[in-house]
Protein backbone atom coordinates (compact mmCIF):
# COMPACT_ATOMS: atom_id res chain seq x y z
CA MET A 1 -0.19 -0.08 0.08
CA LYS A 2 1.13 3.29 -0.92
CA THR A 3 1.83 5.72 2.09
CA ALA A 4 -0.29 9.26 2.68
CA ARG A 5 1.03 11.74 0.05
CA ASN A 6 1.16 15.62 1.20
CA PHE A 7 1.29 18.52 -1.19
CA LYS A 8 5.08 18.55 -2.14
CA ILE A 9 6.90 21.65 -1.73
CA PRO A 10 10.80 20.65 -1.21
CA SER A 11 11.85 24.19 -1.48
CA LEU A 12 10.39 24.84 1.74
CA ILE A 13 10.87 23.13 5.15
CA LEU A 14 7.78 21.47 6.65
CA VAL A 15 7.23 22.15 10.53
CA ALA A 16 4.51 20.98 12.32
CA THR A 17 2.78 24.03 13.62
CA VAL A 18 -1.15 22.95 14.61
CA SER A 19 -3.72 25.05 16.18
CA GLY A 20 -6.94 22.85 17.15
CA GLY A 21 -6.77 20.67 14.10
CA PHE A 22 -6.12 23.14 11.93
CA VAL A 23 -2.85 23.89 10.04
CA PHE A 24 -1.90 27.44 8.52
CA PRO A 25 1.34 28.26 6.44
CA ALA A 26 4.28 29.61 8.86
CA PHE A 27 6.32 32.16 7.10
CA ALA A 28 9.33 33.87 8.42
CA GLU A 29 7.37 37.03 6.76
CA GLN A 30 4.15 38.07 5.56
CA VAL A 31 1.85 35.65 3.66
CA THR A 32 -0.94 37.42 1.82
CA SER A 33 -4.11 36.85 -0.06
CA TYR A 34 -3.97 38.56 -3.63
CA LEU A 35 -6.67 38.88 -6.44
CA VAL A 36 -4.64 39.14 -9.91
CA ASP A 37 -6.61 40.42 -12.41
CA LEU A 38 -4.87 39.27 -15.78
CA ASN A 39 -6.26 41.58 -18.25
CA THR A 40 -5.43 45.00 -16.38
CA ARG A 41 -2.57 43.48 -14.57
CA ARG A 42 -3.75 45.03 -11.32
CA VAL A 43 -3.05 43.36 -8.05
CA THR A 44 -5.59 43.86 -5.05
CA SER A 45 -4.99 42.58 -1.63
CA PRO A 46 -8.20 42.15 0.37
CA GLY A 47 -6.32 42.87 3.99
CA THR A 48 -6.17 40.50 6.80
CA LEU A 49 -8.31 39.55 9.92
CA GLY A 50 -5.23 39.87 11.78
CA GLY A 51 -2.39 37.95 10.52
CA ASN A 52 -0.88 35.75 7.69
CA ASN A 53 -3.48 34.50 5.21
CA ILE A 54 -4.03 32.55 2.33
CA PRO A 55 -6.71 32.17 -0.64
CA TRP A 56 -8.77 29.37 -1.81
CA GLY A 57 -11.52 29.82 -4.06
CA ILE A 58 -12.77 32.37 -6.35
CA ASN A 59 -16.30 32.76 -8.33
CA ALA A 60 -17.42 35.08 -10.88
CA SER A 61 -17.47 38.47 -9.46
CA GLY A 62 -14.14 38.06 -7.91
CA GLN A 63 -14.95 37.32 -4.61
CA VAL A 64 -12.28 35.10 -2.74
CA VAL A 65 -12.36 32.77 0.16
CA GLY A 66 -9.69 31.44 2.30
CA ASP A 67 -8.21 31.35 5.58
CA SER A 68 -6.73 33.94 8.05
CA LEU A 69 -5.32 34.13 11.52
CA ILE A 70 -6.80 36.47 13.83
CA PRO A 71 -4.94 38.17 16.78
CA SER A 72 -5.93 35.18 19.01
CA GLY A 73 -3.55 32.97 16.93
CA ASP A 74 -6.54 30.86 15.71
CA SER A 75 -7.68 30.84 11.89
CA HIS A 76 -10.86 31.98 10.88
CA ALA A 77 -12.68 31.49 7.42
CA PHE A 78 -13.17 34.54 5.50
CA ILE A 79 -14.85 36.02 2.19
CA THR A 80 -14.15 39.44 0.17
CA SER A 81 -16.49 41.42 -1.75
CA PRO A 82 -16.03 41.56 -5.47
CA ASN A 83 -12.73 41.93 -7.15
CA GLY A 84 -10.92 40.78 -3.83
CA VAL A 85 -11.68 43.96 -1.92
CA GLY A 86 -12.01 43.83 2.13
CA MET A 87 -11.87 40.71 4.02
CA THR A 88 -15.11 39.60 6.34
CA ASP A 89 -14.85 37.04 8.98
CA LEU A 90 -17.04 34.42 8.07
CA GLY A 91 -17.01 33.05 12.02
CA THR A 92 -17.10 29.48 12.85
CA LEU A 93 -19.97 26.85 14.03
CA GLY A 94 -18.85 27.66 17.70
CA GLY A 95 -15.39 26.55 17.86
CA ALA A 96 -12.11 28.04 17.55
CA ASN A 97 -11.16 27.53 14.17
CA SER A 98 -12.84 27.47 10.51
CA SER A 99 -11.50 26.98 6.98
CA ALA A 100 -12.89 28.38 3.62
CA ARG A 101 -12.35 26.22 0.49
CA GLY A 102 -14.80 26.78 -2.41
CA ILE A 103 -17.22 29.57 -3.55
CA ASN A 104 -20.08 29.75 -5.76
CA ASN A 105 -21.17 32.67 -7.70
CA SER A 106 -24.11 33.04 -5.40
CA GLY A 107 -21.47 33.50 -2.70
CA GLN A 108 -22.26 30.40 -1.34
CA VAL A 109 -19.16 29.41 0.69
CA VAL A 110 -17.98 25.74 1.78
CA GLY A 111 -15.01 24.72 4.12
CA ASN A 112 -14.49 23.05 7.44
CA SER A 113 -15.29 24.38 11.30
CA GLN A 114 -14.75 23.71 14.26
CA PRO A 115 -18.14 22.95 16.13
CA THR A 116 -19.04 24.30 19.64
CA ALA A 117 -19.28 21.07 21.27
CA SER A 118 -19.28 17.32 20.38
CA LYS A 119 -19.75 14.12 21.95
CA ASP A 120 -16.15 12.97 20.87
CA PRO A 121 -13.32 15.30 21.35
CA LEU A 122 -11.79 14.26 18.05
CA THR A 123 -15.16 16.07 15.88
CA SER A 124 -14.35 19.31 18.26
CA TYR A 125 -10.65 18.92 17.12
CA PHE A 126 -11.05 18.50 13.58
CA GLY A 127 -14.59 19.83 12.81
CA HIS A 128 -17.30 19.22 10.26
CA ALA A 129 -17.89 20.53 6.62
CA PHE A 130 -19.99 23.76 6.49
CA ILE A 131 -21.89 25.77 3.80
CA THR A 132 -23.32 29.19 4.14
CA GLY A 133 -25.89 31.07 2.25
CA PRO A 134 -25.15 33.65 -0.31
CA ASN A 135 -22.61 36.11 0.28
CA GLY A 136 -21.45 33.93 3.07
CA VAL A 137 -23.94 34.62 5.28
CA GLY A 138 -24.56 32.33 7.95
CA MET A 139 -22.90 28.97 8.74
CA THR A 140 -24.49 25.54 8.51
CA ASP A 141 -23.32 22.38 9.92
CA LEU A 142 -23.30 19.49 6.83
CA GLY A 143 -22.75 16.79 9.18
CA THR A 144 -21.12 13.77 8.15
CA LEU A 145 -21.49 10.12 6.60
CA ASN A 146 -22.92 7.49 8.57
CA GLY A 147 -21.95 9.15 11.79
CA ASP A 148 -18.03 9.93 11.19
CA TYR A 149 -16.67 12.01 13.17
CA ILE A 150 -14.85 14.32 10.80
CA SER A 151 -16.07 16.16 7.51
CA PHE A 152 -14.40 18.60 4.98
CA ALA A 153 -16.33 20.37 2.44
CA PHE A 154 -14.06 21.59 -0.78
CA GLY A 155 -16.08 22.17 -3.89
CA ILE A 156 -19.54 23.82 -4.68
CA ASN A 157 -21.36 24.48 -7.75
CA ALA A 158 -24.07 26.91 -8.92
CA SER A 159 -26.73 24.80 -7.45
CA GLY A 160 -25.38 24.57 -3.97
CA GLN A 161 -24.34 20.92 -4.51
CA VAL A 162 -21.18 20.55 -2.27
CA VAL A 163 -18.19 17.77 -2.64
CA GLY A 164 -15.70 16.75 -0.25
CA TYR A 165 -15.12 13.70 2.25
CA SER A 166 -15.77 12.23 5.47
CA LYS A 167 -13.78 10.23 7.78
CA PRO A 168 -14.37 7.82 11.02
CA ILE A 169 -12.46 7.47 13.73
CA SER A 170 -10.89 4.84 12.55
CA GLY A 171 -10.43 3.70 8.80
CA TYR A 172 -10.69 5.40 5.60
CA ALA A 173 -12.18 8.62 4.05
CA HIS A 174 -14.73 8.58 1.69
CA ALA A 175 -15.97 11.15 -0.86
CA PHE A 176 -19.25 12.67 -0.60
CA ILE A 177 -21.74 14.64 -2.70
CA THR A 178 -24.85 16.62 -1.53
CA GLY A 179 -27.93 17.85 -2.85
CA PRO A 180 -28.84 21.86 -3.79
CA ASN A 181 -27.99 24.15 -1.22
CA GLY A 182 -25.76 21.17 0.45
CA VAL A 183 -29.08 19.13 1.84
CA GLY A 184 -28.17 15.44 2.62
CA MET A 185 -24.87 13.95 1.88
CA THR A 186 -24.56 10.82 -0.32
CA GLU A 187 -21.19 8.54 -0.52
CA LEU A 188 -19.50 8.77 -4.03
CA GLY A 189 -17.81 5.11 -3.51
CA SER A 190 -14.25 4.62 -4.79
CA LEU A 191 -12.15 3.25 -7.61
CA THR A 192 -12.28 -0.51 -6.46
CA GLY A 193 -10.50 0.45 -3.29
CA THR A 194 -11.29 1.72 0.10
CA PHE A 195 -10.84 5.39 -0.08
CA SER A 196 -11.52 8.72 -1.76
CA GLU A 197 -11.89 12.14 -1.47
CA ALA A 198 -13.61 14.74 -3.95
CA TYR A 199 -12.05 18.23 -4.46
CA GLY A 200 -13.93 19.92 -7.25
CA ILE A 201 -17.37 20.02 -8.87
CA ASN A 202 -18.75 21.64 -11.89
CA ASP A 203 -22.36 22.86 -12.39
CA SER A 204 -23.49 19.21 -14.02
CA GLY A 205 -22.27 17.73 -10.89
CA GLN A 206 -19.59 16.12 -12.09
CA ALA A 207 -17.19 15.73 -9.39
CA VAL A 208 -13.50 14.99 -9.37
CA GLY A 209 -11.00 13.92 -6.67
CA TYR A 210 -8.91 10.79 -6.03
CA SER A 211 -8.85 7.32 -4.82
CA TYR A 212 -7.45 4.34 -4.29
CA THR A 213 -7.32 1.39 -6.94
CA ALA A 214 -7.25 -2.04 -6.09
CA SER A 215 -3.38 -1.96 -6.37
CA GLY A 216 -3.41 0.16 -3.37
CA TYR A 217 -2.21 3.48 -5.57
CA ARG A 218 -4.15 6.85 -5.96
CA HIS A 219 -5.77 7.68 -9.12
CA ALA A 220 -7.75 10.47 -9.90
CA PHE A 221 -11.07 10.20 -10.75
CA MET A 222 -14.24 11.86 -12.34
CA THR A 223 -17.85 11.14 -12.04
CA GLY A 224 -20.89 11.65 -14.16
CA PRO A 225 -23.70 13.86 -13.45
CA ASN A 226 -24.79 14.33 -10.18
CA GLY A 227 -21.97 12.21 -8.66
CA ALA A 228 -23.03 9.11 -10.62
CA ASP A 229 -20.32 6.72 -11.60
CA MET A 230 -17.04 6.97 -11.15
CA THR A 231 -14.00 7.18 -13.69
CA ASP A 232 -10.32 6.09 -13.27
CA LEU A 233 -8.61 8.98 -15.27
CA GLY A 234 -5.10 7.40 -15.18
CA THR A 235 -1.91 8.87 -14.68
CA LEU A 236 0.98 10.25 -16.83
CA GLY A 237 2.84 7.22 -16.50
CA GLY A 238 3.44 7.04 -12.85
CA ASN A 239 1.74 5.06 -9.75
CA ASP A 240 -0.50 8.09 -8.51
CA SER A 241 -2.32 10.97 -9.67
CA TYR A 242 -4.61 13.63 -8.05
CA ALA A 243 -7.65 15.63 -9.40
CA THR A 244 -8.30 18.86 -8.08
CA GLY A 245 -10.60 20.83 -10.59
CA ILE A 246 -13.23 20.73 -13.28
CA ASN A 247 -15.05 23.22 -15.79
CA ALA A 248 -18.16 23.35 -17.48
CA SER A 249 -17.07 21.02 -19.99
CA GLY A 250 -15.65 18.43 -17.78
CA GLN A 251 -11.63 19.24 -18.67
CA VAL A 252 -10.07 18.33 -15.22
CA VAL A 253 -6.65 19.61 -13.95
CA GLY A 254 -4.35 18.18 -11.15
CA TYR A 255 -1.13 16.74 -10.84
CA SER A 256 0.38 13.00 -11.51
CA TYR A 257 3.49 11.41 -11.17
CA THR A 258 5.49 10.54 -14.40
CA ALA A 259 7.55 7.28 -15.17
CA SER A 260 10.38 9.23 -13.94
CA GLY A 261 8.96 9.68 -10.54
CA ASP A 262 8.56 13.64 -10.90
CA SER A 263 5.30 15.29 -10.30
CA HIS A 264 3.56 17.01 -13.18
CA ALA A 265 0.42 18.92 -13.76
CA PHE A 266 -2.06 17.52 -16.10
CA ILE A 267 -5.42 18.70 -17.89
CA THR A 268 -7.81 16.65 -19.62
CA GLY A 269 -10.12 16.86 -22.80
CA PRO A 270 -13.77 17.57 -22.10
CA ASN A 271 -15.43 14.84 -19.78
CA GLY A 272 -12.50 14.08 -18.43
CA VAL A 273 -10.98 12.36 -21.57
CA GLY A 274 -7.19 11.86 -21.84
CA MET A 275 -4.48 13.09 -19.64
CA THR A 276 -2.20 16.06 -21.01
CA ASP A 277 1.20 16.98 -19.22
CA LEU A 278 1.35 19.98 -18.71
CA GLY A 279 4.83 20.41 -17.94
CA GLY A 280 6.86 22.50 -16.12
CA PRO A 281 10.66 24.31 -15.40
CA THR A 282 13.54 21.87 -16.49
CA GLY A 283 14.27 19.92 -13.17
CA GLY A 284 11.43 20.76 -11.56
CA THR A 285 7.90 19.86 -10.42
CA SER A 286 4.53 20.99 -11.09
CA GLU A 287 0.70 21.00 -9.46
CA ALA A 288 -2.48 22.31 -10.94
CA TRP A 289 -5.09 23.81 -8.73
CA GLY A 290 -7.74 25.68 -10.62
CA ILE A 291 -9.42 25.85 -14.12
CA ASN A 292 -11.74 28.28 -15.88
CA ASP A 293 -14.30 27.64 -18.84
CA SER A 294 -11.67 28.21 -21.18
CA GLY A 295 -9.08 25.96 -19.65
CA GLN A 296 -6.98 28.31 -18.35
CA VAL A 297 -4.93 26.47 -15.65
CA THR A 298 -3.66 27.67 -12.41
CA GLY A 299 -0.98 26.06 -10.00
CA SER A 300 2.43 25.95 -8.62
CA THR A 301 5.78 25.14 -10.11
CA TRP A 302 9.21 24.08 -8.06
CA THR A 303 12.73 24.34 -8.92
CA ALA A 304 15.88 23.84 -6.15
CA ALA A 305 17.21 27.28 -7.83
CA ASN A 306 13.59 29.37 -7.27
CA GLY A 307 11.65 27.16 -4.94
CA ASN A 308 7.82 27.62 -5.79
CA ARG A 309 6.45 29.92 -8.22
CA ALA A 310 2.56 30.36 -9.05
CA PHE A 311 1.86 30.00 -12.99
CA ILE A 312 -1.00 30.45 -15.50
CA THR A 313 -1.70 29.02 -19.04
CA GLY A 314 -3.48 29.92 -21.82
CA PRO A 315 -6.70 28.48 -22.65
CA ASN A 316 -6.63 24.67 -22.90
CA GLY A 317 -3.51 24.63 -20.67
CA VAL A 318 -1.24 25.97 -23.56
CA GLY A 319 1.73 27.73 -22.58
CA MET A 320 2.46 27.45 -18.96
CA VAL A 321 3.93 31.06 -17.89
CA ASP A 322 5.34 31.99 -14.07
CA LEU A 323 2.95 34.56 -12.80
CA ASN A 324 5.67 36.65 -11.18
CA SER A 325 6.50 37.77 -14.81
CA LEU A 326 3.33 39.10 -15.64
CA VAL A 327 2.45 41.03 -12.34
CA HIS A 328 3.95 41.27 -8.87
CA PRO A 329 2.64 41.46 -5.13
CA SER A 330 3.46 44.49 -3.48
CA GLY A 331 6.51 44.79 -1.29
CA GLY A 332 8.79 42.85 -3.62
CA GLY A 333 7.56 39.56 -2.90
CA ILE A 334 6.65 36.76 -4.86
CA PHE A 335 3.48 34.49 -5.90
CA ILE A 336 3.91 30.90 -4.65
CA ILE A 337 0.78 29.47 -5.80
CA ALA A 338 -2.12 30.12 -7.75
CA HIS A 339 -5.40 28.62 -6.44
CA GLY A 340 -8.34 29.66 -8.55
CA ILE A 341 -9.12 31.59 -11.55
CA ASN A 342 -12.62 32.66 -13.01
CA ASN A 343 -13.97 33.43 -16.54
CA MET A 344 -12.73 37.07 -16.30
CA GLY A 345 -9.12 36.09 -16.01
CA GLN A 346 -9.26 36.82 -12.05
CA VAL A 347 -6.69 34.81 -10.31
CA SER A 348 -6.83 33.98 -6.25
CA ALA A 349 -2.84 33.83 -5.65
CA ILE A 350 -0.75 33.33 -2.40
CA GLY A 351 1.81 35.95 -2.33
CA VAL A 352 5.13 35.88 0.16
CA VAL A 353 7.03 38.87 1.28
CA PRO A 354 9.86 38.48 1.33
CA GLU A 355 10.72 34.98 -0.27
CA PRO A 356 9.95 32.01 2.41
CA GLU A 357 12.21 30.85 4.66
CA SER A 358 9.96 28.15 6.32
CA TYR A 359 6.77 26.81 5.80
CA ALA A 360 3.93 25.09 7.26
CA LEU A 361 1.42 22.88 5.64
CA LEU A 362 -1.68 23.42 8.17
CA LEU A 363 -4.62 21.65 6.41
CA PRO A 364 -7.43 20.42 8.83
CA GLY A 365 -6.58 16.91 10.17
CA LEU A 366 -3.04 16.74 8.68
CA ALA A 367 -2.44 13.50 9.79
CA LEU A 368 -5.96 11.87 8.69
CA ILE A 369 -6.54 13.38 5.09
CA GLY A 370 -3.18 12.78 3.62
CA PHE A 371 -3.40 15.12 0.80
CA VAL A 372 -2.08 18.37 1.83
CA ALA A 373 -6.21 23.61 -1.56
CA ARG A 374 -16.78 37.21 -18.41
CA ARG A 375 -14.45 39.89 -19.91
CA LYS A 376 -11.91 39.11 -22.58
CA LYS A 377 -9.72 36.55 -21.56
CA ILE A 378 -5.65 37.47 -21.47
CA VAL A 379 -4.01 35.19 -23.78
CA VAL A 380 -0.90 33.96 -22.01
CA PRO A 381 2.65 33.78 -24.21
CA SER A 382 4.54 30.78 -23.67
CA LEU A 383 7.95 30.31 -21.94
């Protein structure tokens, strides 16, 4: 059986900085959320809730969601106004911490939060999936599958169907999908194995994520509409692959190991057909995290010389370009990861000022989940 794999950032030192079951990037200097407009080349920082913060999802109006440290040292989910302006604390389900990962065009937000109290301390520690109303108003506990202790929501579509995973106190996580507005939680199954997690969903209800195969490896999967049937997307020649995002036509992005053992970002054709290697820097690695409906892909590359750099591609994944060659965060920093992109060419990106000296991957339940995230569109030049 393959061991659990976390998102690999070899240029940064992993340290164990855990607060209440939530893990947050710990840098020597400032870590900030940015909205980057690729058309105007304008860079907007929404501010902070009191400390370092990282962005995740973005919707059509440029509302960004993510996590920010607050003065107490806890982490709270946030939402911005359109175009990445301002940062509003979404609060929690009653506990100390919360984390936002996905947002739809109505401003419904999904993520994970610690509840006020639980029959078991593990639930209080790691938390439950949540959904909000439009524009982040109100936070509703989505519960778990079959009385599990932990759940986490990552993606949401226009009707409010939510995907994520649920996990018992012992045993494997299982991917789930809900009905509209987060009502009801249904298990998605797995690829003949015992484990699955879902990370993205489009408006047809096609869900993507990864699952154990019968051989014990991890493969990216895609489902049909409304989470029906699960298809193995294969790999780029290596053992493992992970799907992180999907657009309206069913183009899927993520990352896969190649035959040489490197991690490369990939994109598929419509409905998950075919897997194309997006490449990366010579001697380095790449991971894809977001995609819009024209097939522009966002993610991160790594090399020993330059560490992590955010990237953006042109339509259908053509031409991978360092985001830092187009725009820069304020204060002389760098963009290290581009998480999401909307159809207007607005990108949610992590900026570090100055370059990081240390890094902690603080994701909820780190020891448990094993997975460490329309205007005219810009045409990105090739490297």
